[in-house]
Amino acid sequence: LIRMEYDADGQFTDQATMAILNRNLSVPQFSASTSGGVLVITTDAVALTYTGGEFTAASLSVASTDPASAFSGWAFGDNNAGNLLGTIKSLDELDVITLNCTENAQTFV
């Protein structure tokens, strides 16, 4: 898990989320390097590249480092049919919403 957050003012929230309640997880082997303002974080599974600034397809991408993986890569904004769309249940006083992603794909909160 690599958590990315961008705020133009540099104000970040470093707290548990609905998706990751227990943040006391083991840290896998990784390396991080910066060259020419480009950050690259590499694990056994992926290499994340971030060129800085607001997240765009050109500034944030992930490529597989595992040739046996079905995952080939991702760039910010890419459509992902397997994405569960985050949590729909929240403290935002929403009415009951189905958790069926096919039915709620156009629901935005």
C-alpha atoms as a PDB file:
ATOM      1  CA  LEU A   1       0.000   0.000   0.000  1.00  0.00           C
ATOM      2  CA  ILE A   2       1.372   3.377  -1.032  1.00  0.00           C
ATOM      3  CA  ARG A   3      -0.806   6.251   0.097  1.00  0.00           C
ATOM      4  CA  MET A   4      -0.576   9.393  -2.023  1.00  0.00           C
ATOM      5  CA  GLU A   5      -2.191  12.678  -1.062  1.00  0.00           C
ATOM      6  CA  TYR A   6      -1.829  16.076  -2.719  1.00  0.00           C
ATOM      7  CA  ASP A   7      -2.764  19.487  -1.332  1.00  0.00           C
ATOM      8  CA  ALA A   8      -1.560  22.708  -2.935  1.00  0.00           C
ATOM      9  CA  ASP A   9      -1.125  24.221   0.545  1.00  0.00           C
ATOM     10  CA  GLY A  10       0.759  21.182   1.863  1.00  0.00           C
ATOM     11  CA  GLN A  11      -1.914  20.373   4.469  1.00  0.00           C
ATOM     12  CA  PHE A  12      -2.154  16.609   4.806  1.00  0.00           C
ATOM     13  CA  THR A  13      -4.335  14.274   6.824  1.00  0.00           C
ATOM     14  CA  ASP A  14      -2.292  11.442   8.315  1.00  0.00           C
ATOM     15  CA  GLN A  15      -5.052   9.447  10.008  1.00  0.00           C
ATOM     16  CA  ALA A  16      -6.815   6.144   9.640  1.00  0.00           C
ATOM     17  CA  THR A  17      -9.372   5.885   6.835  1.00  0.00           C
ATOM     18  CA  MET A  18     -12.479   3.776   6.331  1.00  0.00           C
ATOM     19  CA  ALA A  19     -10.471   1.581   3.966  1.00  0.00           C
ATOM     20  CA  ILE A  20      -7.409   1.174   6.217  1.00  0.00           C
ATOM     21  CA  LEU A  21      -8.447   1.211   9.861  1.00  0.00           C
ATOM     22  CA  ASN A  22      -5.378  -0.564  11.238  1.00  0.00           C
ATOM     23  CA  ARG A  23      -2.360   1.379  10.016  1.00  0.00           C
ATOM     24  CA  ASN A  24       0.086  -0.586  12.158  1.00  0.00           C
ATOM     25  CA  LEU A  25       1.126  -2.741   9.202  1.00  0.00           C
ATOM     26  CA  SER A  26       4.509  -4.232   8.448  1.00  0.00           C
ATOM     27  CA  VAL A  27       6.542  -2.201   5.972  1.00  0.00           C
ATOM     28  CA  PRO A  28       7.648  -4.174   2.913  1.00  0.00           C
ATOM     29  CA  GLN A  29      11.076  -3.814   1.346  1.00  0.00           C
ATOM     30  CA  PHE A  30      11.180  -0.711  -0.853  1.00  0.00           C
ATOM     31  CA  SER A  31      13.550   1.862  -2.235  1.00  0.00           C
ATOM     32  CA  ALA A  32      12.924   5.536  -2.887  1.00  0.00           C
ATOM     33  CA  SER A  33      15.011   7.856  -5.016  1.00  0.00           C
ATOM     34  CA  THR A  34      14.675  11.363  -6.388  1.00  0.00           C
ATOM     35  CA  SER A  35      16.481  12.521  -9.505  1.00  0.00           C
ATOM     36  CA  GLY A  36      15.717  15.690 -11.434  1.00  0.00           C
ATOM     37  CA  GLY A  37      12.687  16.291  -9.211  1.00  0.00           C
ATOM     38  CA  VAL A  38      11.165  12.887 -10.043  1.00  0.00           C
ATOM     39  CA  LEU A  39      10.360  10.576  -7.107  1.00  0.00           C
ATOM     40  CA  VAL A  40      10.447   6.843  -7.777  1.00  0.00           C
ATOM     41  CA  ILE A  41       9.308   4.358  -5.104  1.00  0.00           C
ATOM     42  CA  THR A  42      10.041   0.752  -6.006  1.00  0.00           C
ATOM     43  CA  THR A  43       8.821  -2.449  -4.325  1.00  0.00           C
ATOM     44  CA  ASP A  44       8.909  -6.101  -5.402  1.00  0.00           C
ATOM     45  CA  ALA A  45       5.523  -5.533  -7.062  1.00  0.00           C
ATOM     46  CA  VAL A  46       5.421  -1.957  -8.413  1.00  0.00           C
ATOM     47  CA  ALA A  47       7.366   1.182  -9.270  1.00  0.00           C
ATOM     48  CA  LEU A  48       5.539   4.445  -8.542  1.00  0.00           C
ATOM     49  CA  THR A  49       6.737   7.562 -10.393  1.00  0.00           C
ATOM     50  CA  TYR A  50       5.712  11.067  -9.296  1.00  0.00           C
ATOM     51  CA  THR A  51       6.983  14.185 -11.046  1.00  0.00           C
ATOM     52  CA  GLY A  52       5.475  16.624  -8.545  1.00  0.00           C
ATOM     53  CA  GLY A  53       2.534  18.999  -8.428  1.00  0.00           C
ATOM     54  CA  GLU A  54      -1.134  18.186  -8.734  1.00  0.00           C
ATOM     55  CA  PHE A  55      -1.853  14.583  -9.645  1.00  0.00           C
ATOM     56  CA  THR A  56      -2.341  14.068 -13.387  1.00  0.00           C
ATOM     57  CA  ALA A  57      -1.788  11.178 -15.781  1.00  0.00           C
ATOM     58  CA  ALA A  58       1.567  12.778 -16.636  1.00  0.00           C
ATOM     59  CA  SER A  59       2.668  13.324 -13.007  1.00  0.00           C
ATOM     60  CA  LEU A  60       1.635  10.096 -11.221  1.00  0.00           C
ATOM     61  CA  SER A  61       1.903   6.566 -12.555  1.00  0.00           C
ATOM     62  CA  VAL A  62       2.574   3.020 -11.393  1.00  0.00           C
ATOM     63  CA  ALA A  63       4.203   0.221 -13.384  1.00  0.00           C
ATOM     64  CA  SER A  64       4.460  -3.437 -12.476  1.00  0.00           C
ATOM     65  CA  THR A  65       7.904  -4.752 -11.536  1.00  0.00           C
ATOM     66  CA  ASP A  66       6.617  -8.350 -11.463  1.00  0.00           C
ATOM     67  CA  PRO A  67       6.567  -9.965 -14.920  1.00  0.00           C
ATOM     68  CA  ALA A  68       4.198 -12.672 -13.630  1.00  0.00           C
ATOM     69  CA  SER A  69       1.583 -10.116 -12.497  1.00  0.00           C
ATOM     70  CA  ALA A  70      -1.655  -9.531 -14.408  1.00  0.00           C
ATOM     71  CA  PHE A  71      -1.274  -5.852 -13.433  1.00  0.00           C
ATOM     72  CA  SER A  72       0.703  -3.953 -16.046  1.00  0.00           C
ATOM     73  CA  GLY A  73       0.348  -0.356 -14.971  1.00  0.00           C
ATOM     74  CA  TRP A  74      -1.793   2.604 -14.024  1.00  0.00           C
ATOM     75  CA  ALA A  75      -1.726   6.394 -14.409  1.00  0.00           C
ATOM     76  CA  PHE A  76      -3.751   8.906 -12.408  1.00  0.00           C
ATOM     77  CA  GLY A  77      -7.255   9.179 -13.851  1.00  0.00           C
ATOM     78  CA  ASP A  78      -7.204   5.803 -15.608  1.00  0.00           C
ATOM     79  CA  ASN A  79     -10.514   3.972 -15.577  1.00  0.00           C
ATOM     80  CA  ASN A  80     -10.323   0.741 -13.582  1.00  0.00           C
ATOM     81  CA  ALA A  81     -13.311  -1.572 -13.940  1.00  0.00           C
ATOM     82  CA  GLY A  82     -12.222  -3.453 -10.792  1.00  0.00           C
ATOM     83  CA  ASN A  83     -12.107  -0.299  -8.634  1.00  0.00           C
ATOM     84  CA  LEU A  84     -14.526  -0.566  -5.730  1.00  0.00           C
ATOM     85  CA  LEU A  85     -14.981   3.244  -5.812  1.00  0.00           C
ATOM     86  CA  GLY A  86     -13.959   3.750  -2.188  1.00  0.00           C
ATOM     87  CA  THR A  87     -16.322   3.707   0.724  1.00  0.00           C
ATOM     88  CA  ILE A  88     -19.896   4.850   0.165  1.00  0.00           C
ATOM     89  CA  LYS A  89     -20.795   4.625   3.832  1.00  0.00           C
ATOM     90  CA  SER A  90     -19.510   7.673   5.669  1.00  0.00           C
ATOM     91  CA  LEU A  91     -20.347  10.345   8.185  1.00  0.00           C
ATOM     92  CA  ASP A  92     -21.704  12.625   5.459  1.00  0.00           C
ATOM     93  CA  GLU A  93     -25.349  12.006   6.410  1.00  0.00           C
ATOM     94  CA  LEU A  94     -25.983   9.994   3.265  1.00  0.00           C
ATOM     95  CA  ASP A  95     -29.096   7.902   2.869  1.00  0.00           C
ATOM     96  CA  VAL A  96     -28.689   4.156   2.501  1.00  0.00           C
ATOM     97  CA  ILE A  97     -26.794   3.428  -0.713  1.00  0.00           C
ATOM     98  CA  THR A  98     -26.239   0.014  -2.228  1.00  0.00           C
ATOM     99  CA  LEU A  99     -22.674  -1.274  -2.102  1.00  0.00           C
ATOM    100  CA  ASN A 100     -23.162  -2.934  -5.489  1.00  0.00           C
ATOM    101  CA  CYS A 101     -20.567  -1.095  -7.611  1.00  0.00           C
ATOM    102  CA  THR A 102     -22.481  -1.800 -10.819  1.00  0.00           C
ATOM    103  CA  GLU A 103     -25.498   0.041  -9.445  1.00  0.00           C
ATOM    104  CA  ASN A 104     -23.687   2.936  -7.780  1.00  0.00           C
ATOM    105  CA  ALA A 105     -20.975   3.620 -10.380  1.00  0.00           C
ATOM    106  CA  GLN A 106     -22.433   7.072 -11.071  1.00  0.00           C
ATOM    107  CA  THR A 107     -22.886   7.983  -7.378  1.00  0.00           C
ATOM    108  CA  PHE A 108     -20.521  10.721  -6.256  1.00  0.00           C
ATOM    109  CA  VAL A 109     -20.197  12.063  -2.738  1.00  0.00           C
END
